[in-house]
Amino acid sequence: MKEENISFGEYIRKKRLSGPQELTQQDVANHLGISFSYVSMVEKRRKPPFDGDKLESLAEFLQLSEEETALMYDLASKETNEVPRDLKDTFMNDGIGRFARFALRQSQAGFIDEEDWKTLIRKAAEKNKHIQGGTPDG
């Protein structure tokens, strides 16, 4: 199963047990200042994912990469039906967020499709390579 298709709790459990040192639920609980039974309930989807600073602290504690942290935020957001923590301020309060919300609504209405999004992402990647001194064709 792809990681983006698992639950937040399953992801946390996997990362907790696959690190350099297998961490227990008690280790996580102690770090976050919560009970180990709460950690267990989150892992079993009996409680919603952690929020706010606890997510950020958990990512650091589990030594997640930037990509792994982004996935963790996405999985938590999918279950809570909220904007991912790392994007919330930009998405809700920034001019770019206004454009993103507009584009998503256009996509939802069927005016922008997956190929349009892929083209946008490719162009952004090419621009980033150019700015960093690379070439667009790699």
N, C-alpha and C. Protein backbone atom coordinates (compact mmCIF):
# COMPACT_ATOMS: atom_id res chain seq x y z
N MET A 1 0.84 -1.18 0.00
CA MET A 1 0.00 0.00 0.00
C MET A 1 0.89 1.25 0.00
N LYS A 2 0.57 2.20 -0.88
CA LYS A 2 1.32 3.44 -0.93
C LYS A 2 1.12 4.21 0.37
N GLU A 3 2.17 4.92 0.78
CA GLU A 3 2.09 5.65 2.05
C GLU A 3 0.98 6.70 2.03
N GLU A 4 0.71 7.33 0.87
CA GLU A 4 -0.32 8.36 0.85
C GLU A 4 -1.72 7.78 0.98
N ASN A 5 -1.84 6.45 0.93
CA ASN A 5 -3.14 5.79 1.06
C ASN A 5 -3.35 5.15 2.43
N ILE A 6 -2.41 5.33 3.34
CA ILE A 6 -2.60 4.77 4.68
C ILE A 6 -3.14 5.85 5.61
N SER A 7 -3.59 5.45 6.76
CA SER A 7 -4.10 6.42 7.73
C SER A 7 -2.93 7.15 8.41
N PHE A 8 -3.27 8.26 9.02
CA PHE A 8 -2.27 9.01 9.79
C PHE A 8 -1.66 8.11 10.86
N GLY A 9 -2.51 7.40 11.59
CA GLY A 9 -2.04 6.53 12.66
C GLY A 9 -1.12 5.43 12.17
N GLU A 10 -1.46 4.83 11.04
CA GLU A 10 -0.61 3.78 10.47
C GLU A 10 0.74 4.36 10.06
N TYR A 11 0.71 5.56 9.52
CA TYR A 11 1.95 6.21 9.08
C TYR A 11 2.85 6.50 10.29
N ILE A 12 2.26 7.04 11.33
CA ILE A 12 3.03 7.35 12.55
C ILE A 12 3.62 6.08 13.14
N ARG A 13 2.82 5.04 13.22
CA ARG A 13 3.31 3.76 13.75
C ARG A 13 4.49 3.25 12.91
N LYS A 14 4.33 3.28 11.60
CA LYS A 14 5.38 2.82 10.70
C LYS A 14 6.67 3.61 10.93
N LYS A 15 6.56 4.92 11.00
CA LYS A 15 7.74 5.76 11.18
C LYS A 15 8.34 5.58 12.57
N ARG A 16 7.50 5.40 13.55
CA ARG A 16 7.96 5.20 14.93
C ARG A 16 8.78 3.92 15.04
N LEU A 17 8.36 2.89 14.34
CA LEU A 17 9.03 1.59 14.44
C LEU A 17 10.17 1.41 13.44
N SER A 18 10.25 2.27 12.44
CA SER A 18 11.27 2.06 11.41
C SER A 18 12.48 2.98 11.55
N GLY A 19 12.48 3.81 12.55
CA GLY A 19 13.61 4.72 12.74
C GLY A 19 14.85 3.99 13.21
N PRO A 20 15.93 4.73 13.38
CA PRO A 20 17.18 4.12 13.83
C PRO A 20 17.02 3.37 15.15
N GLN A 21 16.17 3.89 16.00
CA GLN A 21 15.84 3.18 17.24
C GLN A 21 14.32 3.04 17.26
N GLU A 22 13.86 1.82 17.43
CA GLU A 22 12.41 1.62 17.47
C GLU A 22 11.86 2.34 18.69
N LEU A 23 10.99 3.30 18.44
CA LEU A 23 10.40 4.07 19.52
C LEU A 23 9.09 3.43 19.96
N THR A 24 8.81 3.50 21.23
CA THR A 24 7.55 2.98 21.76
C THR A 24 6.51 4.09 21.75
N GLN A 25 5.27 3.68 21.94
CA GLN A 25 4.21 4.68 22.09
C GLN A 25 4.50 5.54 23.32
N GLN A 26 5.08 4.94 24.34
CA GLN A 26 5.41 5.70 25.55
C GLN A 26 6.47 6.76 25.25
N ASP A 27 7.45 6.42 24.41
CA ASP A 27 8.47 7.40 24.01
C ASP A 27 7.81 8.61 23.34
N VAL A 28 6.90 8.33 22.42
CA VAL A 28 6.20 9.40 21.70
C VAL A 28 5.35 10.20 22.68
N ALA A 29 4.63 9.51 23.54
CA ALA A 29 3.78 10.18 24.52
C ALA A 29 4.59 11.09 25.43
N ASN A 30 5.71 10.59 25.93
CA ASN A 30 6.56 11.41 26.80
C ASN A 30 7.03 12.65 26.07
N HIS A 31 7.43 12.49 24.83
CA HIS A 31 7.93 13.63 24.05
C HIS A 31 6.83 14.68 23.82
N LEU A 32 5.61 14.20 23.54
CA LEU A 32 4.51 15.12 23.24
C LEU A 32 3.78 15.61 24.49
N GLY A 33 4.07 15.01 25.63
CA GLY A 33 3.41 15.42 26.87
C GLY A 33 1.96 14.95 26.94
N ILE A 34 1.71 13.75 26.43
CA ILE A 34 0.37 13.17 26.46
C ILE A 34 0.48 11.73 26.97
N SER A 35 -0.66 11.08 27.15
CA SER A 35 -0.63 9.70 27.64
C SER A 35 -0.32 8.74 26.50
N PHE A 36 0.30 7.62 26.85
CA PHE A 36 0.60 6.64 25.81
C PHE A 36 -0.68 6.04 25.26
N SER A 37 -1.75 5.98 26.09
CA SER A 37 -3.02 5.44 25.59
C SER A 37 -3.60 6.36 24.50
N TYR A 38 -3.36 7.67 24.63
CA TYR A 38 -3.82 8.60 23.59
C TYR A 38 -3.07 8.33 22.29
N VAL A 39 -1.77 8.11 22.37
CA VAL A 39 -0.97 7.78 21.18
C VAL A 39 -1.52 6.50 20.56
N SER A 40 -1.80 5.51 21.37
CA SER A 40 -2.35 4.25 20.88
C SER A 40 -3.68 4.46 20.16
N MET A 41 -4.55 5.27 20.75
CA MET A 41 -5.85 5.53 20.14
C MET A 41 -5.72 6.27 18.80
N VAL A 42 -4.76 7.18 18.71
CA VAL A 42 -4.52 7.88 17.44
C VAL A 42 -4.02 6.89 16.40
N GLU A 43 -3.09 6.04 16.79
CA GLU A 43 -2.56 5.05 15.84
C GLU A 43 -3.64 4.09 15.35
N LYS A 44 -4.63 3.81 16.20
CA LYS A 44 -5.71 2.89 15.84
C LYS A 44 -6.93 3.60 15.26
N ARG A 45 -6.82 4.91 15.01
CA ARG A 45 -7.89 5.74 14.44
C ARG A 45 -9.11 5.85 15.36
N ARG A 46 -8.88 5.72 16.65
CA ARG A 46 -9.96 5.90 17.61
C ARG A 46 -10.03 7.35 18.10
N LYS A 47 -8.98 8.09 17.84
CA LYS A 47 -8.91 9.53 18.12
C LYS A 47 -8.37 10.21 16.86
N PRO A 48 -8.71 11.50 16.68
CA PRO A 48 -8.21 12.20 15.50
C PRO A 48 -6.70 12.44 15.61
N PRO A 49 -6.06 12.72 14.47
CA PRO A 49 -4.62 13.00 14.49
C PRO A 49 -4.29 14.16 15.43
N PHE A 50 -3.05 14.20 15.86
CA PHE A 50 -2.57 15.32 16.67
C PHE A 50 -2.72 16.59 15.85
N ASP A 51 -2.71 17.72 16.53
CA ASP A 51 -2.81 18.97 15.80
C ASP A 51 -1.70 19.92 16.22
N GLY A 52 -1.65 21.03 15.54
CA GLY A 52 -0.77 22.12 15.90
C GLY A 52 0.68 21.76 16.15
N ASP A 53 1.17 22.27 17.25
CA ASP A 53 2.57 22.10 17.60
C ASP A 53 2.96 20.65 17.83
N LYS A 54 1.99 19.83 18.22
CA LYS A 54 2.30 18.40 18.46
C LYS A 54 2.73 17.73 17.15
N LEU A 55 2.10 18.09 16.03
CA LEU A 55 2.52 17.52 14.74
C LEU A 55 3.95 17.94 14.41
N GLU A 56 4.24 19.19 14.60
CA GLU A 56 5.58 19.70 14.32
C GLU A 56 6.62 19.02 15.21
N SER A 57 6.30 18.91 16.48
CA SER A 57 7.19 18.27 17.44
C SER A 57 7.39 16.79 17.10
N LEU A 58 6.32 16.13 16.68
CA LEU A 58 6.39 14.72 16.32
C LEU A 58 7.31 14.52 15.11
N ALA A 59 7.18 15.38 14.13
CA ALA A 59 8.03 15.27 12.93
C ALA A 59 9.51 15.37 13.31
N GLU A 60 9.82 16.30 14.20
CA GLU A 60 11.22 16.45 14.64
C GLU A 60 11.66 15.23 15.43
N PHE A 61 10.79 14.75 16.33
CA PHE A 61 11.12 13.61 17.18
C PHE A 61 11.37 12.34 16.35
N LEU A 62 10.54 12.15 15.32
CA LEU A 62 10.69 10.98 14.45
C LEU A 62 11.76 11.18 13.38
N GLN A 63 12.35 12.37 13.37
CA GLN A 63 13.40 12.73 12.41
C GLN A 63 12.93 12.52 10.97
N LEU A 64 11.72 13.03 10.69
CA LEU A 64 11.15 12.91 9.36
C LEU A 64 11.81 13.90 8.41
N SER A 65 11.98 13.48 7.18
CA SER A 65 12.49 14.38 6.15
C SER A 65 11.40 15.41 5.83
N GLU A 66 11.75 16.40 5.03
CA GLU A 66 10.78 17.42 4.63
C GLU A 66 9.61 16.76 3.89
N GLU A 67 9.91 15.82 3.01
CA GLU A 67 8.87 15.12 2.24
C GLU A 67 8.00 14.27 3.16
N GLU A 68 8.61 13.57 4.11
CA GLU A 68 7.85 12.74 5.05
C GLU A 68 6.96 13.59 5.95
N THR A 69 7.49 14.75 6.36
CA THR A 69 6.71 15.67 7.19
C THR A 69 5.50 16.19 6.42
N ALA A 70 5.71 16.56 5.15
CA ALA A 70 4.60 17.04 4.33
C ALA A 70 3.53 15.96 4.20
N LEU A 71 3.94 14.71 4.00
CA LEU A 71 2.98 13.62 3.90
C LEU A 71 2.24 13.43 5.22
N MET A 72 2.95 13.54 6.34
CA MET A 72 2.31 13.42 7.64
C MET A 72 1.24 14.50 7.81
N TYR A 73 1.57 15.75 7.45
CA TYR A 73 0.59 16.84 7.52
C TYR A 73 -0.61 16.55 6.62
N ASP A 74 -0.34 16.04 5.41
CA ASP A 74 -1.43 15.73 4.48
C ASP A 74 -2.33 14.64 5.01
N LEU A 75 -1.75 13.59 5.58
CA LEU A 75 -2.55 12.50 6.13
C LEU A 75 -3.41 12.97 7.30
N ALA A 76 -2.82 13.80 8.17
CA ALA A 76 -3.58 14.34 9.30
C ALA A 76 -4.72 15.20 8.79
N SER A 77 -4.45 16.02 7.79
CA SER A 77 -5.46 16.92 7.24
C SER A 77 -6.58 16.18 6.54
N LYS A 78 -6.22 15.09 5.89
CA LYS A 78 -7.23 14.28 5.20
C LYS A 78 -8.25 13.76 6.21
N GLU A 79 -7.79 13.38 7.39
CA GLU A 79 -8.69 12.83 8.41
C GLU A 79 -9.46 13.90 9.17
N THR A 80 -8.89 15.09 9.28
CA THR A 80 -9.57 16.17 10.01
C THR A 80 -10.31 17.11 9.08
N ASN A 81 -10.13 16.92 7.78
CA ASN A 81 -10.77 17.75 6.77
C ASN A 81 -10.40 19.23 6.92
N GLU A 82 -9.11 19.46 7.15
CA GLU A 82 -8.59 20.81 7.30
C GLU A 82 -7.42 21.01 6.34
N VAL A 83 -7.04 22.25 6.13
CA VAL A 83 -5.87 22.57 5.32
C VAL A 83 -4.64 22.10 6.08
N PRO A 84 -3.67 21.45 5.40
CA PRO A 84 -2.46 21.00 6.09
C PRO A 84 -1.78 22.14 6.85
N ARG A 85 -1.27 21.79 8.01
CA ARG A 85 -0.67 22.78 8.92
C ARG A 85 0.40 23.62 8.25
N ASP A 86 1.25 23.00 7.44
CA ASP A 86 2.36 23.73 6.83
C ASP A 86 1.90 24.66 5.72
N LEU A 87 0.66 24.53 5.26
CA LEU A 87 0.15 25.38 4.18
C LEU A 87 -0.92 26.36 4.63
N LYS A 88 -1.41 26.17 5.82
CA LYS A 88 -2.59 26.90 6.29
C LYS A 88 -2.42 28.42 6.20
N ASP A 89 -1.34 28.96 6.70
CA ASP A 89 -1.16 30.41 6.70
C ASP A 89 -1.10 30.94 5.27
N THR A 90 -0.31 30.30 4.42
CA THR A 90 -0.21 30.74 3.03
C THR A 90 -1.54 30.58 2.32
N PHE A 91 -2.18 29.44 2.51
CA PHE A 91 -3.42 29.13 1.80
C PHE A 91 -4.55 30.08 2.20
N MET A 92 -4.61 30.46 3.46
CA MET A 92 -5.72 31.27 3.93
C MET A 92 -5.44 32.77 3.97
N ASN A 93 -4.17 33.18 4.08
CA ASN A 93 -3.88 34.59 4.32
C ASN A 93 -2.98 35.26 3.30
N ASP A 94 -2.48 34.56 2.35
CA ASP A 94 -1.51 35.09 1.41
C ASP A 94 -2.16 35.30 0.06
N GLY A 95 -1.63 36.23 -0.74
CA GLY A 95 -2.13 36.44 -2.09
C GLY A 95 -2.04 35.18 -2.93
N ILE A 96 -0.97 34.42 -2.74
CA ILE A 96 -0.82 33.16 -3.46
C ILE A 96 -1.95 32.21 -3.07
N GLY A 97 -2.33 32.22 -1.82
CA GLY A 97 -3.42 31.38 -1.36
C GLY A 97 -4.73 31.72 -2.05
N ARG A 98 -4.94 33.01 -2.28
CA ARG A 98 -6.16 33.44 -2.98
C ARG A 98 -6.18 32.84 -4.38
N PHE A 99 -5.02 32.88 -5.07
CA PHE A 99 -4.93 32.29 -6.40
C PHE A 99 -5.09 30.77 -6.36
N ALA A 100 -4.51 30.15 -5.34
CA ALA A 100 -4.62 28.70 -5.21
C ALA A 100 -6.08 28.28 -4.99
N ARG A 101 -6.77 29.02 -4.13
CA ARG A 101 -8.18 28.70 -3.89
C ARG A 101 -9.00 28.88 -5.16
N PHE A 102 -8.72 29.96 -5.91
CA PHE A 102 -9.42 30.19 -7.17
C PHE A 102 -9.15 29.04 -8.14
N ALA A 103 -7.87 28.66 -8.28
CA ALA A 103 -7.50 27.59 -9.21
C ALA A 103 -8.15 26.27 -8.81
N LEU A 104 -8.19 25.99 -7.52
CA LEU A 104 -8.82 24.74 -7.06
C LEU A 104 -10.32 24.75 -7.36
N ARG A 105 -10.94 25.90 -7.20
CA ARG A 105 -12.37 25.98 -7.52
C ARG A 105 -12.60 25.82 -9.02
N GLN A 106 -11.69 26.35 -9.82
CA GLN A 106 -11.79 26.16 -11.27
C GLN A 106 -11.61 24.69 -11.63
N SER A 107 -10.71 24.04 -10.93
CA SER A 107 -10.49 22.61 -11.14
C SER A 107 -11.72 21.81 -10.73
N GLN A 108 -12.28 22.17 -9.60
CA GLN A 108 -13.48 21.49 -9.11
C GLN A 108 -14.63 21.65 -10.10
N ALA A 109 -14.70 22.80 -10.77
CA ALA A 109 -15.77 23.06 -11.74
C ALA A 109 -15.48 22.40 -13.09
N GLY A 110 -14.28 21.83 -13.24
CA GLY A 110 -13.95 21.13 -14.48
C GLY A 110 -13.24 21.97 -15.52
N PHE A 111 -12.85 23.20 -15.17
CA PHE A 111 -12.18 24.08 -16.12
C PHE A 111 -10.66 23.87 -16.16
N ILE A 112 -10.12 23.28 -15.13
CA ILE A 112 -8.69 22.96 -15.05
C ILE A 112 -8.60 21.47 -14.77
N ASP A 113 -7.81 20.75 -15.57
CA ASP A 113 -7.71 19.31 -15.35
C ASP A 113 -6.31 18.92 -14.86
N GLU A 114 -6.10 17.64 -14.65
CA GLU A 114 -4.84 17.15 -14.11
C GLU A 114 -3.65 17.51 -15.01
N GLU A 115 -3.84 17.45 -16.31
CA GLU A 115 -2.75 17.81 -17.23
C GLU A 115 -2.37 19.28 -17.08
N ASP A 116 -3.34 20.15 -16.85
CA ASP A 116 -3.05 21.57 -16.61
C ASP A 116 -2.18 21.73 -15.36
N TRP A 117 -2.51 20.98 -14.31
CA TRP A 117 -1.73 21.05 -13.07
C TRP A 117 -0.31 20.54 -13.30
N LYS A 118 -0.19 19.44 -14.04
CA LYS A 118 1.14 18.89 -14.33
C LYS A 118 1.98 19.88 -15.13
N THR A 119 1.37 20.56 -16.08
CA THR A 119 2.08 21.57 -16.88
C THR A 119 2.56 22.70 -15.98
N LEU A 120 1.71 23.16 -15.09
CA LEU A 120 2.09 24.22 -14.16
C LEU A 120 3.26 23.80 -13.29
N ILE A 121 3.21 22.58 -12.78
CA ILE A 121 4.27 22.08 -11.91
C ILE A 121 5.58 21.94 -12.68
N ARG A 122 5.51 21.42 -13.91
CA ARG A 122 6.72 21.30 -14.74
C ARG A 122 7.34 22.66 -15.00
N LYS A 123 6.51 23.66 -15.33
CA LYS A 123 7.01 25.00 -15.59
C LYS A 123 7.67 25.59 -14.34
N ALA A 124 7.06 25.36 -13.20
CA ALA A 124 7.64 25.86 -11.95
C ALA A 124 8.98 25.18 -11.68
N ALA A 125 9.07 23.88 -11.94
CA ALA A 125 10.32 23.15 -11.73
C ALA A 125 11.40 23.67 -12.68
N GLU A 126 11.03 23.94 -13.92
CA GLU A 126 12.00 24.48 -14.89
C GLU A 126 12.48 25.86 -14.46
N LYS A 127 11.58 26.68 -14.00
CA LYS A 127 11.93 28.02 -13.52
C LYS A 127 12.88 27.93 -12.33
N ASN A 128 12.60 27.00 -11.42
CA ASN A 128 13.43 26.82 -10.24
C ASN A 128 14.84 26.38 -10.64
N LYS A 129 14.95 25.46 -11.61
CA LYS A 129 16.27 25.02 -12.08
C LYS A 129 17.03 26.18 -12.70
N HIS A 130 16.32 27.00 -13.46
CA HIS A 130 16.96 28.15 -14.12
C HIS A 130 17.49 29.15 -13.07
N ILE A 131 16.69 29.39 -12.06
CA ILE A 131 17.08 30.34 -11.01
C ILE A 131 18.30 29.81 -10.26
N GLN A 132 18.36 28.49 -10.05
CA GLN A 132 19.47 27.89 -9.32
C GLN A 132 20.69 27.65 -10.21
N GLY A 133 20.62 28.05 -11.47
CA GLY A 133 21.78 27.91 -12.35
C GLY A 133 21.81 26.62 -13.15
N GLY A 134 20.80 25.81 -13.02
CA GLY A 134 20.73 24.57 -13.80
C GLY A 134 20.09 24.84 -15.14
N THR A 135 19.88 23.79 -15.87
CA THR A 135 19.20 23.92 -17.16
C THR A 135 17.85 23.22 -17.07
N PRO A 136 16.85 23.72 -17.79
CA PRO A 136 15.53 23.12 -17.71
C PRO A 136 15.49 21.66 -18.12
N ASP A 137 16.38 21.24 -19.01
CA ASP A 137 16.34 19.86 -19.45
C ASP A 137 17.24 18.95 -18.63
N GLY A 138 17.71 19.46 -17.51
CA GLY A 138 18.36 18.63 -16.54
C GLY A 138 19.81 18.50 -16.64
